Amino acid sequence: MKAALQAWAVALALTLGSVPTAFAQPPNTLQPPRPPPISPTTSPPLPVGVDTSRDSGSLNTLNRQLDASSRRVQADTLRNQIQRQDRLIEADRARTDARRAAVPPEESARLQQEFDTRRASHEAWRVGKEQQVQRLEVEGLPPPPPPNEVKAPAIQPGR
């Protein structure tokens, strides 16, 4: 009986020892443990004697080169438009001349007048496009902005 009582005491101790773990909340496995906060890092110090002024200068140079390339592309596009429209007006002239040859003189004069109107309109358009090309090629690039200049809108006083 003593052995049974000891076995019962051991079983009771084991049962009571496992009770707190049975009622304990299981760990939340869906969320990883929170890492400690990360302190902001500063950039590593530059070696002594490193000149960083070239970096901003090279960026300004790159921006100016991009602007110049963009202007060249725009000018080339305008020149291509002018050439295309010149070819179209020449084709129109050839069609008009062929039609004029097949009609009576009064109709021929009317066709010539209509063509002259279209050609004048084309010439005015062409002059405008050539001026745009000229502005793109001649107009100097704006000077680089001074360093650290912030372009903010002017503050208007409240009414």
N, C-alpha and C. Protein backbone atom coordinates (compact mmCIF):
# COMPACT_ATOMS: atom_id res chain seq x y z
N MET A 1 0.80 -1.15 0.00
CA MET A 1 0.00 0.00 0.00
C MET A 1 0.87 1.25 0.00
N LYS A 2 1.95 1.13 0.68
CA LYS A 2 2.86 2.24 0.71
C LYS A 2 3.38 2.50 -0.69
N ALA A 3 3.64 1.47 -1.46
CA ALA A 3 4.12 1.62 -2.83
C ALA A 3 3.04 2.25 -3.69
N ALA A 4 1.78 1.88 -3.45
CA ALA A 4 0.68 2.45 -4.21
C ALA A 4 0.51 3.90 -3.85
N LEU A 5 0.70 4.22 -2.56
CA LEU A 5 0.56 5.61 -2.12
C LEU A 5 1.68 6.45 -2.72
N GLN A 6 2.89 5.91 -2.78
CA GLN A 6 3.99 6.64 -3.37
C GLN A 6 3.78 6.82 -4.87
N ALA A 7 3.27 5.80 -5.53
CA ALA A 7 3.01 5.90 -6.97
C ALA A 7 1.92 6.94 -7.22
N TRP A 8 0.91 6.94 -6.29
CA TRP A 8 -0.15 7.92 -6.45
C TRP A 8 0.38 9.32 -6.21
N ALA A 9 1.28 9.54 -5.31
CA ALA A 9 1.87 10.83 -5.00
C ALA A 9 2.73 11.32 -6.18
N VAL A 10 3.46 10.38 -6.78
CA VAL A 10 4.30 10.72 -7.93
C VAL A 10 3.40 11.11 -9.11
N ALA A 11 2.34 10.34 -9.31
CA ALA A 11 1.42 10.65 -10.40
C ALA A 11 0.75 12.00 -10.17
N LEU A 12 0.40 12.28 -8.90
CA LEU A 12 -0.22 13.56 -8.57
C LEU A 12 0.76 14.70 -8.79
N ALA A 13 2.00 14.50 -8.43
CA ALA A 13 3.02 15.53 -8.61
C ALA A 13 3.26 15.79 -10.10
N LEU A 14 3.32 14.71 -10.85
CA LEU A 14 3.52 14.89 -12.29
C LEU A 14 2.32 15.60 -12.92
N THR A 15 1.13 15.25 -12.48
CA THR A 15 -0.07 15.88 -13.01
C THR A 15 -0.11 17.34 -12.63
N LEU A 16 0.16 17.63 -11.36
CA LEU A 16 0.14 19.03 -10.93
C LEU A 16 1.28 19.83 -11.57
N GLY A 17 2.38 19.18 -11.84
CA GLY A 17 3.50 19.86 -12.49
C GLY A 17 3.20 20.19 -13.93
N SER A 18 2.36 19.40 -14.58
CA SER A 18 2.06 19.65 -15.98
C SER A 18 0.84 20.54 -16.16
N VAL A 19 0.09 20.80 -15.07
CA VAL A 19 -1.11 21.65 -15.16
C VAL A 19 -0.75 23.05 -15.61
N PRO A 20 0.23 23.71 -15.03
CA PRO A 20 0.52 25.07 -15.49
C PRO A 20 0.90 25.12 -16.97
N THR A 21 1.58 24.12 -17.46
CA THR A 21 1.93 24.14 -18.88
C THR A 21 0.73 23.84 -19.75
N ALA A 22 -0.25 23.10 -19.23
CA ALA A 22 -1.43 22.81 -20.02
C ALA A 22 -2.29 24.05 -20.18
N PHE A 23 -2.34 24.89 -19.14
CA PHE A 23 -3.15 26.11 -19.22
C PHE A 23 -2.35 27.32 -19.73
N ALA A 24 -1.10 27.15 -19.89
CA ALA A 24 -0.28 28.26 -20.40
C ALA A 24 -0.63 28.51 -21.86
N GLN A 25 -0.52 29.78 -22.25
CA GLN A 25 -0.86 30.15 -23.63
C GLN A 25 0.28 29.70 -24.55
N PRO A 26 -0.07 29.06 -25.67
CA PRO A 26 1.00 28.65 -26.59
C PRO A 26 1.65 29.89 -27.21
N PRO A 27 2.91 29.78 -27.53
CA PRO A 27 3.57 30.95 -28.15
C PRO A 27 2.95 31.25 -29.51
N ASN A 28 2.90 32.55 -29.84
CA ASN A 28 2.34 32.99 -31.12
C ASN A 28 3.39 32.71 -32.20
N THR A 29 3.11 31.72 -33.02
CA THR A 29 4.09 31.35 -34.05
C THR A 29 3.85 32.07 -35.37
N LEU A 30 2.76 32.85 -35.43
CA LEU A 30 2.47 33.55 -36.68
C LEU A 30 3.33 34.79 -36.86
N GLN A 31 3.72 35.42 -35.77
CA GLN A 31 4.52 36.62 -35.87
C GLN A 31 5.91 36.34 -35.35
N PRO A 32 6.91 36.71 -36.10
CA PRO A 32 8.28 36.51 -35.61
C PRO A 32 8.55 37.45 -34.45
N PRO A 33 9.50 37.13 -33.64
CA PRO A 33 9.80 38.04 -32.54
C PRO A 33 10.25 39.39 -33.09
N ARG A 34 9.87 40.44 -32.39
CA ARG A 34 10.19 41.80 -32.84
C ARG A 34 11.69 42.05 -32.66
N PRO A 35 12.34 42.49 -33.74
CA PRO A 35 13.77 42.78 -33.61
C PRO A 35 13.96 44.07 -32.82
N PRO A 36 15.10 44.25 -32.26
CA PRO A 36 15.35 45.50 -31.54
C PRO A 36 15.34 46.67 -32.53
N PRO A 37 14.97 47.86 -32.08
CA PRO A 37 14.94 49.01 -33.00
C PRO A 37 16.32 49.28 -33.57
N ILE A 38 16.30 49.69 -34.82
CA ILE A 38 17.56 49.97 -35.52
C ILE A 38 17.85 51.45 -35.38
N SER A 39 19.01 51.74 -34.93
CA SER A 39 19.38 53.14 -34.80
C SER A 39 19.80 53.65 -36.18
N PRO A 40 19.49 54.91 -36.49
CA PRO A 40 19.88 55.44 -37.81
C PRO A 40 21.39 55.42 -37.95
N THR A 41 21.80 55.02 -39.13
CA THR A 41 23.24 54.97 -39.37
C THR A 41 23.65 56.20 -40.15
N THR A 42 24.81 56.61 -39.93
CA THR A 42 25.36 57.73 -40.69
C THR A 42 26.24 57.14 -41.78
N SER A 43 26.40 57.91 -42.84
CA SER A 43 27.25 57.42 -43.92
C SER A 43 28.69 57.36 -43.41
N PRO A 44 29.44 56.43 -43.92
CA PRO A 44 30.81 56.33 -43.44
C PRO A 44 31.59 57.59 -43.81
N PRO A 45 32.48 57.97 -42.97
CA PRO A 45 33.24 59.20 -43.27
C PRO A 45 34.10 58.98 -44.51
N LEU A 46 34.20 60.05 -45.29
CA LEU A 46 35.03 59.97 -46.49
C LEU A 46 36.50 60.02 -46.09
N PRO A 47 37.32 59.38 -46.85
CA PRO A 47 38.75 59.46 -46.55
C PRO A 47 39.22 60.92 -46.65
N VAL A 48 40.22 61.22 -45.88
CA VAL A 48 40.75 62.58 -45.88
C VAL A 48 41.29 62.90 -47.27
N GLY A 49 40.95 64.08 -47.77
CA GLY A 49 41.46 64.52 -49.05
C GLY A 49 40.57 64.18 -50.23
N VAL A 50 39.38 63.61 -49.99
CA VAL A 50 38.48 63.29 -51.09
C VAL A 50 37.70 64.54 -51.46
N ASP A 51 37.74 64.90 -52.74
CA ASP A 51 37.05 66.09 -53.23
C ASP A 51 35.67 65.69 -53.75
N THR A 52 34.60 66.15 -53.07
CA THR A 52 33.24 65.82 -53.51
C THR A 52 32.65 66.90 -54.41
N SER A 53 33.34 67.99 -54.63
CA SER A 53 32.79 69.06 -55.47
C SER A 53 32.67 68.60 -56.92
N ARG A 54 33.51 67.66 -57.34
CA ARG A 54 33.43 67.16 -58.71
C ARG A 54 32.13 66.42 -58.95
N ASP A 55 31.59 65.77 -57.92
CA ASP A 55 30.36 65.00 -58.08
C ASP A 55 29.21 65.89 -58.52
N SER A 56 29.02 67.02 -57.85
CA SER A 56 27.93 67.91 -58.24
C SER A 56 28.22 68.56 -59.59
N GLY A 57 29.48 68.84 -59.85
CA GLY A 57 29.84 69.41 -61.15
C GLY A 57 29.58 68.44 -62.29
N SER A 58 29.87 67.16 -62.05
CA SER A 58 29.64 66.18 -63.11
C SER A 58 28.14 65.97 -63.31
N LEU A 59 27.36 66.08 -62.25
CA LEU A 59 25.91 65.97 -62.38
C LEU A 59 25.36 67.14 -63.19
N ASN A 60 25.85 68.34 -62.92
CA ASN A 60 25.42 69.50 -63.70
C ASN A 60 25.81 69.35 -65.17
N THR A 61 27.01 68.85 -65.41
CA THR A 61 27.46 68.64 -66.79
C THR A 61 26.58 67.61 -67.48
N LEU A 62 26.26 66.55 -66.78
CA LEU A 62 25.40 65.52 -67.35
C LEU A 62 24.02 66.09 -67.69
N ASN A 63 23.45 66.88 -66.80
CA ASN A 63 22.14 67.48 -67.06
C ASN A 63 22.20 68.42 -68.27
N ARG A 64 23.27 69.18 -68.39
CA ARG A 64 23.40 70.08 -69.54
C ARG A 64 23.56 69.29 -70.84
N GLN A 65 24.29 68.18 -70.80
CA GLN A 65 24.44 67.34 -71.98
C GLN A 65 23.11 66.71 -72.38
N LEU A 66 22.33 66.29 -71.38
CA LEU A 66 21.01 65.73 -71.67
C LEU A 66 20.10 66.77 -72.30
N ASP A 67 20.17 67.99 -71.79
CA ASP A 67 19.35 69.07 -72.35
C ASP A 67 19.76 69.35 -73.79
N ALA A 68 21.06 69.38 -74.05
CA ALA A 68 21.55 69.63 -75.42
C ALA A 68 21.12 68.49 -76.35
N SER A 69 21.18 67.26 -75.88
CA SER A 69 20.74 66.12 -76.70
C SER A 69 19.26 66.21 -77.00
N SER A 70 18.49 66.60 -76.00
CA SER A 70 17.05 66.75 -76.20
C SER A 70 16.75 67.82 -77.25
N ARG A 71 17.49 68.91 -77.20
CA ARG A 71 17.30 69.98 -78.19
C ARG A 71 17.65 69.49 -79.60
N ARG A 72 18.73 68.71 -79.71
CA ARG A 72 19.11 68.19 -81.03
C ARG A 72 18.03 67.26 -81.57
N VAL A 73 17.48 66.41 -80.72
CA VAL A 73 16.42 65.49 -81.15
C VAL A 73 15.20 66.28 -81.60
N GLN A 74 14.82 67.31 -80.84
CA GLN A 74 13.67 68.13 -81.22
C GLN A 74 13.91 68.82 -82.56
N ALA A 75 15.11 69.36 -82.75
CA ALA A 75 15.44 70.03 -84.02
C ALA A 75 15.40 69.04 -85.18
N ASP A 76 15.94 67.84 -84.97
CA ASP A 76 15.91 66.83 -86.03
C ASP A 76 14.47 66.42 -86.36
N THR A 77 13.64 66.30 -85.35
CA THR A 77 12.23 65.95 -85.58
C THR A 77 11.54 67.03 -86.39
N LEU A 78 11.79 68.29 -86.06
CA LEU A 78 11.19 69.38 -86.82
C LEU A 78 11.68 69.39 -88.27
N ARG A 79 12.99 69.15 -88.47
CA ARG A 79 13.51 69.10 -89.84
C ARG A 79 12.86 67.97 -90.64
N ASN A 80 12.67 66.82 -90.00
CA ASN A 80 12.00 65.70 -90.68
C ASN A 80 10.56 66.06 -91.04
N GLN A 81 9.86 66.77 -90.16
CA GLN A 81 8.50 67.20 -90.46
C GLN A 81 8.49 68.15 -91.66
N ILE A 82 9.45 69.06 -91.69
CA ILE A 82 9.53 70.01 -92.80
C ILE A 82 9.77 69.26 -94.12
N GLN A 83 10.72 68.32 -94.12
CA GLN A 83 11.00 67.56 -95.34
C GLN A 83 9.78 66.76 -95.80
N ARG A 84 9.08 66.17 -94.87
CA ARG A 84 7.89 65.37 -95.23
C ARG A 84 6.83 66.28 -95.86
N GLN A 85 6.58 67.43 -95.24
CA GLN A 85 5.57 68.35 -95.79
C GLN A 85 6.01 68.91 -97.13
N ASP A 86 7.32 69.15 -97.32
CA ASP A 86 7.82 69.60 -98.63
C ASP A 86 7.54 68.54 -99.71
N ARG A 87 7.79 67.28 -99.38
CA ARG A 87 7.51 66.21 -100.35
C ARG A 87 6.01 66.14 -100.66
N LEU A 88 5.17 66.32 -99.62
CA LEU A 88 3.72 66.28 -99.85
C LEU A 88 3.25 67.44 -100.73
N ILE A 89 3.80 68.64 -100.53
CA ILE A 89 3.37 69.78 -101.35
C ILE A 89 3.86 69.61 -102.78
N GLU A 90 5.04 68.99 -102.96
CA GLU A 90 5.52 68.73 -104.32
C GLU A 90 4.64 67.70 -105.02
N ALA A 91 4.20 66.68 -104.29
CA ALA A 91 3.29 65.69 -104.87
C ALA A 91 1.96 66.35 -105.21
N ASP A 92 1.51 67.27 -104.37
CA ASP A 92 0.27 68.01 -104.64
C ASP A 92 0.43 68.87 -105.89
N ARG A 93 1.60 69.51 -106.06
CA ARG A 93 1.85 70.32 -107.25
C ARG A 93 1.78 69.47 -108.51
N ALA A 94 2.38 68.27 -108.46
CA ALA A 94 2.37 67.39 -109.63
C ALA A 94 0.94 66.95 -109.95
N ARG A 95 0.14 66.62 -108.96
CA ARG A 95 -1.26 66.24 -109.20
C ARG A 95 -2.06 67.41 -109.77
N THR A 96 -1.82 68.58 -109.21
CA THR A 96 -2.55 69.77 -109.69
C THR A 96 -2.19 70.06 -111.14
N ASP A 97 -0.90 69.98 -111.49
CA ASP A 97 -0.48 70.22 -112.87
C ASP A 97 -1.11 69.20 -113.82
N ALA A 98 -1.18 67.96 -113.39
CA ALA A 98 -1.80 66.92 -114.24
C ALA A 98 -3.29 67.19 -114.41
N ARG A 99 -3.98 67.61 -113.37
CA ARG A 99 -5.42 67.91 -113.47
C ARG A 99 -5.65 69.16 -114.32
N ARG A 100 -4.74 70.15 -114.18
CA ARG A 100 -4.90 71.39 -114.96
C ARG A 100 -4.77 71.12 -116.45
N ALA A 101 -3.92 70.17 -116.80
CA ALA A 101 -3.71 69.86 -118.23
C ALA A 101 -4.95 69.23 -118.85
N ALA A 102 -5.81 68.62 -118.03
CA ALA A 102 -6.96 67.90 -118.56
C ALA A 102 -8.26 68.69 -118.51
N VAL A 103 -8.22 69.95 -118.07
CA VAL A 103 -9.47 70.73 -117.93
C VAL A 103 -9.39 72.00 -118.75
N PRO A 104 -10.52 72.66 -118.97
CA PRO A 104 -10.52 73.92 -119.71
C PRO A 104 -9.73 75.01 -118.97
N PRO A 105 -9.35 76.10 -119.67
CA PRO A 105 -8.50 77.15 -119.08
C PRO A 105 -9.09 77.80 -117.83
N GLU A 106 -10.42 78.07 -117.79
CA GLU A 106 -10.98 78.72 -116.60
C GLU A 106 -10.92 77.79 -115.38
N GLU A 107 -11.14 76.51 -115.58
CA GLU A 107 -11.02 75.53 -114.48
C GLU A 107 -9.55 75.39 -114.07
N SER A 108 -8.65 75.47 -115.04
CA SER A 108 -7.23 75.38 -114.77
C SER A 108 -6.77 76.54 -113.89
N ALA A 109 -7.30 77.75 -114.17
CA ALA A 109 -6.94 78.92 -113.36
C ALA A 109 -7.43 78.74 -111.93
N ARG A 110 -8.65 78.18 -111.75
CA ARG A 110 -9.19 77.97 -110.41
C ARG A 110 -8.33 76.95 -109.64
N LEU A 111 -7.94 75.85 -110.32
CA LEU A 111 -7.09 74.84 -109.68
C LEU A 111 -5.73 75.43 -109.27
N GLN A 112 -5.18 76.29 -110.14
CA GLN A 112 -3.89 76.93 -109.83
C GLN A 112 -4.03 77.84 -108.62
N GLN A 113 -5.14 78.59 -108.55
CA GLN A 113 -5.37 79.48 -107.42
C GLN A 113 -5.50 78.69 -106.11
N GLU A 114 -6.22 77.56 -106.14
CA GLU A 114 -6.35 76.72 -104.95
C GLU A 114 -4.98 76.17 -104.52
N PHE A 115 -4.17 75.76 -105.52
CA PHE A 115 -2.84 75.25 -105.19
C PHE A 115 -1.98 76.35 -104.59
N ASP A 116 -2.06 77.56 -105.16
CA ASP A 116 -1.26 78.68 -104.63
C ASP A 116 -1.64 78.98 -103.18
N THR A 117 -2.91 78.86 -102.85
CA THR A 117 -3.36 79.07 -101.48
C THR A 117 -2.76 78.01 -100.56
N ARG A 118 -2.80 76.75 -100.99
CA ARG A 118 -2.21 75.66 -100.18
C ARG A 118 -0.71 75.85 -100.03
N ARG A 119 -0.06 76.27 -101.13
CA ARG A 119 1.39 76.47 -101.06
C ARG A 119 1.75 77.63 -100.12
N ALA A 120 0.97 78.71 -100.13
CA ALA A 120 1.23 79.83 -99.22
C ALA A 120 1.05 79.39 -97.76
N SER A 121 0.02 78.59 -97.53
CA SER A 121 -0.19 78.07 -96.17
C SER A 121 0.99 77.19 -95.75
N HIS A 122 1.47 76.38 -96.67
CA HIS A 122 2.62 75.52 -96.37
C HIS A 122 3.85 76.36 -96.08
N GLU A 123 4.07 77.40 -96.87
CA GLU A 123 5.26 78.25 -96.66
C GLU A 123 5.20 78.94 -95.29
N ALA A 124 4.03 79.41 -94.89
CA ALA A 124 3.90 80.04 -93.57
C ALA A 124 4.19 79.01 -92.47
N TRP A 125 3.68 77.80 -92.63
CA TRP A 125 3.94 76.73 -91.66
C TRP A 125 5.44 76.41 -91.60
N ARG A 126 6.04 76.35 -92.80
CA ARG A 126 7.47 76.03 -92.90
C ARG A 126 8.33 77.09 -92.21
N VAL A 127 7.99 78.36 -92.41
CA VAL A 127 8.75 79.44 -91.78
C VAL A 127 8.67 79.31 -90.26
N GLY A 128 7.48 79.02 -89.74
CA GLY A 128 7.33 78.85 -88.30
C GLY A 128 8.17 77.70 -87.77
N LYS A 129 8.18 76.57 -88.47
CA LYS A 129 8.97 75.41 -88.04
C LYS A 129 10.47 75.70 -88.12
N GLU A 130 10.90 76.42 -89.17
CA GLU A 130 12.32 76.76 -89.28
C GLU A 130 12.74 77.70 -88.15
N GLN A 131 11.84 78.59 -87.74
CA GLN A 131 12.16 79.46 -86.60
C GLN A 131 12.30 78.65 -85.32
N GLN A 132 11.45 77.64 -85.16
CA GLN A 132 11.58 76.78 -83.98
C GLN A 132 12.92 76.04 -83.99
N VAL A 133 13.32 75.54 -85.16
CA VAL A 133 14.61 74.85 -85.27
C VAL A 133 15.73 75.82 -84.93
N GLN A 134 15.65 77.03 -85.45
CA GLN A 134 16.68 78.04 -85.21
C GLN A 134 16.78 78.35 -83.72
N ARG A 135 15.64 78.51 -83.05
CA ARG A 135 15.65 78.78 -81.60
C ARG A 135 16.30 77.63 -80.84
N LEU A 136 15.99 76.40 -81.23
CA LEU A 136 16.57 75.25 -80.53
C LEU A 136 18.07 75.18 -80.71
N GLU A 137 18.57 75.56 -81.90
CA GLU A 137 19.99 75.45 -82.17
C GLU A 137 20.78 76.64 -81.63
N VAL A 138 20.20 77.83 -81.70
CA VAL A 138 20.94 79.03 -81.35
C VAL A 138 20.80 79.39 -79.89
N GLU A 139 19.61 79.22 -79.38
CA GLU A 139 19.34 79.62 -78.00
C GLU A 139 20.31 78.91 -77.07
N GLY A 140 21.03 79.68 -76.31
CA GLY A 140 22.01 79.10 -75.40
C GLY A 140 21.34 78.37 -74.26
N LEU A 141 22.07 77.46 -73.71
CA LEU A 141 21.55 76.74 -72.56
C LEU A 141 21.50 77.69 -71.37
N PRO A 142 20.52 77.54 -70.52
CA PRO A 142 20.47 78.40 -69.36
C PRO A 142 21.66 78.11 -68.45
N PRO A 143 22.12 79.12 -67.74
CA PRO A 143 23.26 78.87 -66.86
C PRO A 143 22.86 77.91 -65.75
N PRO A 144 23.81 77.17 -65.26
CA PRO A 144 23.47 76.23 -64.20
C PRO A 144 22.99 76.98 -62.96
N PRO A 145 22.05 76.41 -62.23
CA PRO A 145 21.57 77.10 -61.03
C PRO A 145 22.65 77.13 -59.97
N PRO A 146 22.61 78.15 -59.12
CA PRO A 146 23.59 78.19 -58.04
C PRO A 146 23.36 77.01 -57.09
N PRO A 147 24.39 76.55 -56.44
CA PRO A 147 24.22 75.40 -55.56
C PRO A 147 23.27 75.71 -54.41
N ASN A 148 22.52 74.69 -54.02
CA ASN A 148 21.60 74.75 -52.88
C ASN A 148 20.51 75.79 -53.04
N GLU A 149 20.16 76.14 -54.26
CA GLU A 149 19.07 77.09 -54.46
C GLU A 149 17.76 76.31 -54.47
N VAL A 150 16.85 76.73 -53.61
CA VAL A 150 15.53 76.11 -53.55
C VAL A 150 14.56 77.03 -54.24
N LYS A 151 13.85 76.50 -55.24
CA LYS A 151 12.90 77.31 -55.99
C LYS A 151 11.53 77.05 -55.42
N ALA A 152 11.13 77.88 -54.51
CA ALA A 152 9.82 77.76 -53.89
C ALA A 152 8.92 78.86 -54.42
N PRO A 153 7.64 78.59 -54.53
CA PRO A 153 6.73 79.64 -54.99
C PRO A 153 6.67 80.79 -54.00
N ALA A 154 6.42 81.96 -54.52
CA ALA A 154 6.31 83.13 -53.65
C ALA A 154 5.10 82.97 -52.74
N ILE A 155 5.28 83.39 -51.52
CA ILE A 155 4.18 83.28 -50.55
C ILE A 155 3.26 84.49 -50.72
N GLN A 156 2.00 84.20 -50.94
CA GLN A 156 1.00 85.25 -51.11
C GLN A 156 0.41 85.58 -49.76
N PRO A 157 0.28 86.86 -49.42
CA PRO A 157 -0.34 87.20 -48.14
C PRO A 157 -1.81 86.82 -48.14
N GLY A 158 -2.28 86.36 -47.00
CA GLY A 158 -3.69 85.96 -46.89
C GLY A 158 -4.59 87.18 -46.87
N ARG A 159 -5.78 87.02 -47.37
CA ARG A 159 -6.72 88.15 -47.40
C ARG A 159 -7.76 88.00 -46.35
